[in-house]
PDB file of all heavy atoms in Angstrom:
ATOM      1  N   SER A   1     116.796  40.743 146.176  1.00  0.00           N
ATOM      2  CA  SER A   1     116.334  40.893 144.794  1.00  0.00           C
ATOM      3  C   SER A   1     114.865  40.519 144.604  1.00  0.00           C
ATOM      4  O   SER A   1     114.296  40.704 143.556  1.00  0.00           O
ATOM      5  CB  SER A   1     117.205  40.036 143.815  1.00  0.00           C
ATOM      6  OG  SER A   1     118.518  40.474 143.906  1.00  0.00           O
ATOM      7  N   VAL A   2     114.292  39.868 145.664  1.00  0.00           N
ATOM      8  CA  VAL A   2     112.876  39.422 145.589  1.00  0.00           C
ATOM      9  C   VAL A   2     112.146  39.818 146.854  1.00  0.00           C
ATOM     10  O   VAL A   2     112.759  40.177 147.897  1.00  0.00           O
ATOM     11  CB  VAL A   2     112.805  37.909 145.379  1.00  0.00           C
ATOM     12  CG1 VAL A   2     113.359  37.528 144.027  1.00  0.00           C
ATOM     13  CG2 VAL A   2     113.505  37.181 146.508  1.00  0.00           C
ATOM     14  N   SER A   3     110.832  39.774 146.794  1.00  0.00           N
ATOM     15  CA  SER A   3     110.026  40.153 147.970  1.00  0.00           C
ATOM     16  C   SER A   3     109.446  38.926 148.664  1.00  0.00           C
ATOM     17  O   SER A   3     108.846  39.049 149.721  1.00  0.00           O
ATOM     18  CB  SER A   3     108.876  41.059 147.565  1.00  0.00           C
ATOM     19  OG  SER A   3     108.062  40.445 146.587  1.00  0.00           O
ATOM     20  N   ILE A   4     109.621  37.724 148.053  1.00  0.00           N
ATOM     21  CA  ILE A   4     109.166  36.476 148.723  1.00  0.00           C
ATOM     22  C   ILE A   4     110.214  35.994 149.695  1.00  0.00           C
ATOM     23  O   ILE A   4     111.344  36.366 149.614  1.00  0.00           O
ATOM     24  CB  ILE A   4     108.840  35.400 147.618  1.00  0.00           C
ATOM     25  CG1 ILE A   4     110.100  35.135 146.738  1.00  0.00           C
ATOM     26  CG2 ILE A   4     107.672  35.824 146.794  1.00  0.00           C
ATOM     27  CD1 ILE A   4     109.911  34.008 145.743  1.00  0.00           C
ATOM     28  N   PRO A   5     109.859  35.050 150.608  1.00  0.00           N
ATOM     29  CA  PRO A   5     110.784  34.557 151.589  1.00  0.00           C
ATOM     30  C   PRO A   5     111.982  33.779 150.887  1.00  0.00           C
ATOM     31  O   PRO A   5     111.769  33.106 149.880  1.00  0.00           O
ATOM     32  CB  PRO A   5     109.991  33.566 152.441  1.00  0.00           C
ATOM     33  CG  PRO A   5     108.559  34.058 152.291  1.00  0.00           C
ATOM     34  CD  PRO A   5     108.409  34.528 150.844  1.00  0.00           C
ATOM     35  N   VAL A   6     113.127  33.948 151.462  1.00  0.00           N
ATOM     36  CA  VAL A   6     114.321  33.225 151.011  1.00  0.00           C
ATOM     37  C   VAL A   6     114.900  32.475 152.224  1.00  0.00           C
ATOM     38  O   VAL A   6     115.102  33.019 153.291  1.00  0.00           O
ATOM     39  CB  VAL A   6     115.394  34.192 150.419  1.00  0.00           C
ATOM     40  CG1 VAL A   6     116.685  33.463 150.195  1.00  0.00           C
ATOM     41  CG2 VAL A   6     114.847  34.811 149.180  1.00  0.00           C
ATOM     42  N   LEU A   7     115.224  31.183 151.968  1.00  0.00           N
ATOM     43  CA  LEU A   7     115.907  30.352 152.952  1.00  0.00           C
ATOM     44  C   LEU A   7     117.371  30.219 152.539  1.00  0.00           C
ATOM     45  O   LEU A   7     117.699  30.240 151.349  1.00  0.00           O
ATOM     46  CB  LEU A   7     115.311  28.950 152.982  1.00  0.00           C
ATOM     47  CG  LEU A   7     113.834  28.826 153.385  1.00  0.00           C
ATOM     48  CD1 LEU A   7     113.357  27.375 153.315  1.00  0.00           C
ATOM     49  CD2 LEU A   7     113.544  29.391 154.767  1.00  0.00           C
ATOM     50  N   ALA A   8     118.242  30.133 153.494  1.00  0.00           N
ATOM     51  CA  ALA A   8     119.676  29.994 153.240  1.00  0.00           C
ATOM     52  C   ALA A   8     120.145  28.630 153.589  1.00  0.00           C
ATOM     53  O   ALA A   8     119.809  28.041 154.648  1.00  0.00           O
ATOM     54  CB  ALA A   8     120.464  30.996 154.049  1.00  0.00           C
ATOM     55  N   ASN A   9     121.001  28.003 152.718  1.00  0.00           N
ATOM     56  CA  ASN A   9     121.485  26.702 152.934  1.00  0.00           C
ATOM     57  C   ASN A   9     123.017  26.670 152.809  1.00  0.00           C
ATOM     58  O   ASN A   9     123.565  27.388 151.953  1.00  0.00           O
ATOM     59  CB  ASN A   9     120.873  25.789 151.850  1.00  0.00           C
ATOM     60  CG  ASN A   9     121.294  24.359 151.952  1.00  0.00           C
ATOM     61  OD1 ASN A   9     121.455  23.578 151.005  1.00  0.00           O
ATOM     62  ND2 ASN A   9     121.543  23.816 153.209  1.00  0.00           N
ATOM     63  N   GLY A  10     123.655  25.901 153.720  1.00  0.00           N
ATOM     64  CA  GLY A  10     125.089  25.780 153.621  1.00  0.00           C
ATOM     65  C   GLY A  10     125.781  26.191 154.917  1.00  0.00           C
ATOM     66  O   GLY A  10     125.580  27.309 155.374  1.00  0.00           O
ATOM     67  N   GLY A  11     126.534  25.271 155.492  1.00  0.00           N
ATOM     68  CA  GLY A  11     127.369  25.627 156.676  1.00  0.00           C
ATOM     69  C   GLY A  11     126.625  25.801 157.980  1.00  0.00           C
ATOM     70  O   GLY A  11     127.136  26.400 158.903  1.00  0.00           O
ATOM     71  N   ILE A  12     125.436  25.171 158.149  1.00  0.00           N
ATOM     72  CA  ILE A  12     124.676  25.325 159.390  1.00  0.00           C
ATOM     73  C   ILE A  12     124.868  24.075 160.216  1.00  0.00           C
ATOM     74  O   ILE A  12     124.260  23.007 159.993  1.00  0.00           O
ATOM     75  CB  ILE A  12     123.205  25.597 159.124  1.00  0.00           C
ATOM     76  CG1 ILE A  12     122.980  26.762 158.201  1.00  0.00           C
ATOM     77  CG2 ILE A  12     122.450  25.758 160.456  1.00  0.00           C
ATOM     78  CD1 ILE A  12     123.452  28.104 158.776  1.00  0.00           C
ATOM     79  N   PHE A  13     125.731  24.185 161.262  1.00  0.00           N
ATOM     80  CA  PHE A  13     126.019  23.052 162.147  1.00  0.00           C
ATOM     81  C   PHE A  13     125.672  23.353 163.610  1.00  0.00           C
ATOM     82  O   PHE A  13     125.629  22.433 164.395  1.00  0.00           O
ATOM     83  CB  PHE A  13     127.495  22.665 162.055  1.00  0.00           C
ATOM     84  CG  PHE A  13     127.868  22.021 160.747  1.00  0.00           C
ATOM     85  CD1 PHE A  13     128.298  22.794 159.659  1.00  0.00           C
ATOM     86  CD2 PHE A  13     127.770  20.654 160.573  1.00  0.00           C
ATOM     87  CE1 PHE A  13     128.634  22.219 158.480  1.00  0.00           C
ATOM     88  CE2 PHE A  13     128.138  20.075 159.394  1.00  0.00           C
ATOM     89  CZ  PHE A  13     128.549  20.836 158.305  1.00  0.00           C
ATOM     90  N   THR A  14     125.508  24.649 163.919  1.00  0.00           N
ATOM     91  CA  THR A  14     125.193  25.076 165.286  1.00  0.00           C
ATOM     92  C   THR A  14     124.233  26.220 165.253  1.00  0.00           C
ATOM     93  O   THR A  14     124.042  26.852 164.206  1.00  0.00           O
ATOM     94  CB  THR A  14     126.500  25.527 166.034  1.00  0.00           C
ATOM     95  OG1 THR A  14     126.983  26.680 165.419  1.00  0.00           O
ATOM     96  CG2 THR A  14     127.541  24.406 166.012  1.00  0.00           C
ATOM     97  N   LEU A  15     123.674  26.541 166.401  1.00  0.00           N
ATOM     98  CA  LEU A  15     122.818  27.768 166.499  1.00  0.00           C
ATOM     99  C   LEU A  15     123.611  29.015 166.225  1.00  0.00           C
ATOM    100  O   LEU A  15     123.095  29.957 165.665  1.00  0.00           O
ATOM    101  CB  LEU A  15     122.201  27.842 167.873  1.00  0.00           C
ATOM    102  CG  LEU A  15     121.064  26.843 168.185  1.00  0.00           C
ATOM    103  CD1 LEU A  15     120.510  27.128 169.608  1.00  0.00           C
ATOM    104  CD2 LEU A  15     119.961  26.942 167.193  1.00  0.00           C
ATOM    105  N   ALA A  16     124.899  28.992 166.566  1.00  0.00           N
ATOM    106  CA  ALA A  16     125.773  30.164 166.244  1.00  0.00           C
ATOM    107  C   ALA A  16     125.899  30.372 164.768  1.00  0.00           C
ATOM    108  O   ALA A  16     125.880  31.468 164.240  1.00  0.00           O
ATOM    109  CB  ALA A  16     127.138  30.002 166.890  1.00  0.00           C
ATOM    110  N   ASP A  17     126.000  29.243 164.014  1.00  0.00           N
ATOM    111  CA  ASP A  17     126.067  29.295 162.540  1.00  0.00           C
ATOM    112  C   ASP A  17     124.782  29.899 161.986  1.00  0.00           C
ATOM    113  O   ASP A  17     124.809  30.740 161.089  1.00  0.00           O
ATOM    114  CB  ASP A  17     126.276  27.918 161.954  1.00  0.00           C
ATOM    115  CG  ASP A  17     127.598  27.294 162.291  1.00  0.00           C
ATOM    116  OD1 ASP A  17     128.569  28.035 162.511  1.00  0.00           O
ATOM    117  OD2 ASP A  17     127.688  26.074 162.308  1.00  0.00           O
ATOM    118  N   ALA A  18     123.667  29.515 162.565  1.00  0.00           N
ATOM    119  CA  ALA A  18     122.360  30.006 162.110  1.00  0.00           C
ATOM    120  C   ALA A  18     122.273  31.512 162.404  1.00  0.00           C
ATOM    121  O   ALA A  18     121.832  32.274 161.539  1.00  0.00           O
ATOM    122  CB  ALA A  18     121.239  29.292 162.810  1.00  0.00           C
ATOM    123  N   ASP A  19     122.700  31.945 163.600  1.00  0.00           N
ATOM    124  CA  ASP A  19     122.660  33.346 163.972  1.00  0.00           C
ATOM    125  C   ASP A  19     123.503  34.189 163.046  1.00  0.00           C
ATOM    126  O   ASP A  19     123.122  35.228 162.595  1.00  0.00           O
ATOM    127  CB  ASP A  19     123.143  33.549 165.410  1.00  0.00           C
ATOM    128  CG  ASP A  19     122.087  33.040 166.406  1.00  0.00           C
ATOM    129  OD1 ASP A  19     120.926  32.879 166.052  1.00  0.00           O
ATOM    130  OD2 ASP A  19     122.521  32.810 167.550  1.00  0.00           O
ATOM    131  N   GLU A  20     124.666  33.671 162.690  1.00  0.00           N
ATOM    132  CA  GLU A  20     125.567  34.399 161.765  1.00  0.00           C
ATOM    133  C   GLU A  20     124.917  34.524 160.362  1.00  0.00           C
ATOM    134  O   GLU A  20     125.002  35.584 159.775  1.00  0.00           O
ATOM    135  CB  GLU A  20     126.928  33.703 161.625  1.00  0.00           C
ATOM    136  CG  GLU A  20     127.867  34.436 160.714  1.00  0.00           C
ATOM    137  CD  GLU A  20     129.300  33.841 160.652  1.00  0.00           C
ATOM    138  OE1 GLU A  20     129.449  32.739 161.138  1.00  0.00           O
ATOM    139  OE2 GLU A  20     130.182  34.529 160.124  1.00  0.00           O
ATOM    140  N   MET A  21     124.269  33.461 159.939  1.00  0.00           N
ATOM    141  CA  MET A  21     123.573  33.563 158.642  1.00  0.00           C
ATOM    142  C   MET A  21     122.472  34.596 158.655  1.00  0.00           C
ATOM    143  O   MET A  21     122.358  35.375 157.723  1.00  0.00           O
ATOM    144  CB  MET A  21     123.008  32.187 158.293  1.00  0.00           C
ATOM    145  CG  MET A  21     122.307  32.088 156.908  1.00  0.00           C
ATOM    146  SD  MET A  21     123.442  32.307 155.497  1.00  0.00           S
ATOM    147  CE  MET A  21     124.254  30.727 155.468  1.00  0.00           C
ATOM    148  N   TYR A  22     121.696  34.615 159.741  1.00  0.00           N
ATOM    149  CA  TYR A  22     120.650  35.639 159.839  1.00  0.00           C
ATOM    150  C   TYR A  22     121.224  37.039 159.844  1.00  0.00           C
ATOM    151  O   TYR A  22     120.752  37.955 159.177  1.00  0.00           O
ATOM    152  CB  TYR A  22     119.789  35.392 161.084  1.00  0.00           C
ATOM    153  CG  TYR A  22     118.908  34.213 161.024  1.00  0.00           C
ATOM    154  CD1 TYR A  22     118.944  33.207 161.977  1.00  0.00           C
ATOM    155  CD2 TYR A  22     117.959  34.078 159.963  1.00  0.00           C
ATOM    156  CE1 TYR A  22     118.040  32.110 161.924  1.00  0.00           C
ATOM    157  CE2 TYR A  22     117.100  32.989 159.917  1.00  0.00           C
ATOM    158  CZ  TYR A  22     117.151  31.987 160.847  1.00  0.00           C
ATOM    159  OH  TYR A  22     116.310  30.926 160.820  1.00  0.00           O
ATOM    160  N   ASN A  23     122.289  37.241 160.636  1.00  0.00           N
ATOM    161  CA  ASN A  23     122.839  38.552 160.780  1.00  0.00           C
ATOM    162  C   ASN A  23     123.490  39.069 159.497  1.00  0.00           C
ATOM    163  O   ASN A  23     123.450  40.248 159.191  1.00  0.00           O
ATOM    164  CB  ASN A  23     123.925  38.536 161.846  1.00  0.00           C
ATOM    165  CG  ASN A  23     123.329  38.318 163.235  1.00  0.00           C
ATOM    166  OD1 ASN A  23     122.144  38.647 163.498  1.00  0.00           O
ATOM    167  ND2 ASN A  23     124.120  37.798 164.186  1.00  0.00           N
ATOM    168  N   ARG A  24     124.007  38.129 158.664  1.00  0.00           N
ATOM    169  CA  ARG A  24     124.722  38.561 157.479  1.00  0.00           C
ATOM    170  C   ARG A  24     123.891  38.582 156.223  1.00  0.00           C
ATOM    171  O   ARG A  24     124.279  39.176 155.218  1.00  0.00           O
ATOM    172  CB  ARG A  24     125.965  37.719 157.286  1.00  0.00           C
ATOM    173  CG  ARG A  24     126.979  37.822 158.404  1.00  0.00           C
ATOM    174  CD  ARG A  24     128.185  36.988 158.209  1.00  0.00           C
ATOM    175  NE  ARG A  24     128.984  37.370 157.081  1.00  0.00           N
ATOM    176  CZ  ARG A  24     130.202  36.890 156.799  1.00  0.00           C
ATOM    177  NH1 ARG A  24     130.763  35.983 157.626  1.00  0.00           N
ATOM    178  NH2 ARG A  24     130.848  37.299 155.737  1.00  0.00           N
ATOM    179  N   THR A  25     122.680  37.935 156.262  1.00  0.00           N
ATOM    180  CA  THR A  25     121.883  37.861 155.052  1.00  0.00           C
ATOM    181  C   THR A  25     120.466  38.357 155.232  1.00  0.00           C
ATOM    182  O   THR A  25     119.870  38.741 154.219  1.00  0.00           O
ATOM    183  CB  THR A  25     121.828  36.385 154.557  1.00  0.00           C
ATOM    184  OG1 THR A  25     121.097  35.565 155.519  1.00  0.00           O
ATOM    185  CG2 THR A  25     123.215  35.808 154.342  1.00  0.00           C
ATOM    186  N   GLY A  26     119.893  38.298 156.417  1.00  0.00           N
ATOM    187  CA  GLY A  26     118.557  38.763 156.614  1.00  0.00           C
ATOM    188  C   GLY A  26     117.486  37.774 156.057  1.00  0.00           C
ATOM    189  O   GLY A  26     116.349  38.167 155.833  1.00  0.00           O
ATOM    190  N   VAL A  27     117.846  36.531 155.895  1.00  0.00           N
ATOM    191  CA  VAL A  27     116.895  35.544 155.344  1.00  0.00           C
ATOM    192  C   VAL A  27     115.793  35.162 156.302  1.00  0.00           C
ATOM    193  O   VAL A  27     115.834  35.488 157.493  1.00  0.00           O
ATOM    194  CB  VAL A  27     117.624  34.260 154.906  1.00  0.00           C
ATOM    195  CG1 VAL A  27     118.554  34.516 153.702  1.00  0.00           C
ATOM    196  CG2 VAL A  27     118.415  33.663 156.093  1.00  0.00           C
ATOM    197  N   ALA A  28     114.774  34.511 155.751  1.00  0.00           N
ATOM    198  CA  ALA A  28     113.588  34.132 156.549  1.00  0.00           C
ATOM    199  C   ALA A  28     113.799  32.840 157.309  1.00  0.00           C
ATOM    200  O   ALA A  28     113.023  32.531 158.255  1.00  0.00           O
ATOM    201  CB  ALA A  28     112.368  34.014 155.669  1.00  0.00           C
ATOM    202  N   GLY A  29     114.803  32.090 156.985  1.00  0.00           N
ATOM    203  CA  GLY A  29     115.024  30.798 157.628  1.00  0.00           C
ATOM    204  C   GLY A  29     116.332  30.172 157.165  1.00  0.00           C
ATOM    205  O   GLY A  29     116.932  30.622 156.171  1.00  0.00           O
ATOM    206  N   VAL A  30     116.802  29.172 157.882  1.00  0.00           N
ATOM    207  CA  VAL A  30     118.034  28.491 157.547  1.00  0.00           C
ATOM    208  C   VAL A  30     117.737  27.011 157.394  1.00  0.00           C
ATOM    209  O   VAL A  30     116.899  26.392 158.059  1.00  0.00           O
ATOM    210  CB  VAL A  30     119.163  28.689 158.564  1.00  0.00           C
ATOM    211  CG1 VAL A  30     119.586  30.095 158.617  1.00  0.00           C
ATOM    212  CG2 VAL A  30     118.732  28.170 159.963  1.00  0.00           C
ATOM    213  N   MET A  31     118.441  26.397 156.441  1.00  0.00           N
ATOM    214  CA  MET A  31     118.320  24.964 156.129  1.00  0.00           C
ATOM    215  C   MET A  31     119.618  24.250 156.427  1.00  0.00           C
ATOM    216  O   MET A  31     120.673  24.707 156.040  1.00  0.00           O
ATOM    217  CB  MET A  31     117.932  24.807 154.653  1.00  0.00           C
ATOM    218  CG  MET A  31     117.838  23.391 154.164  1.00  0.00           C
ATOM    219  SD  MET A  31     117.466  23.305 152.414  1.00  0.00           S
ATOM    220  CE  MET A  31     115.671  23.625 152.379  1.00  0.00           C
TER     221      MET A  31
END
């Protein structure tokens, strides 16, 4: 909905969790 970077927060405990977040949301980073 926006053109600025978005970070995702919640449920990041491993690199696999981070990869899943990127794959499912397309965000610029994970917190």
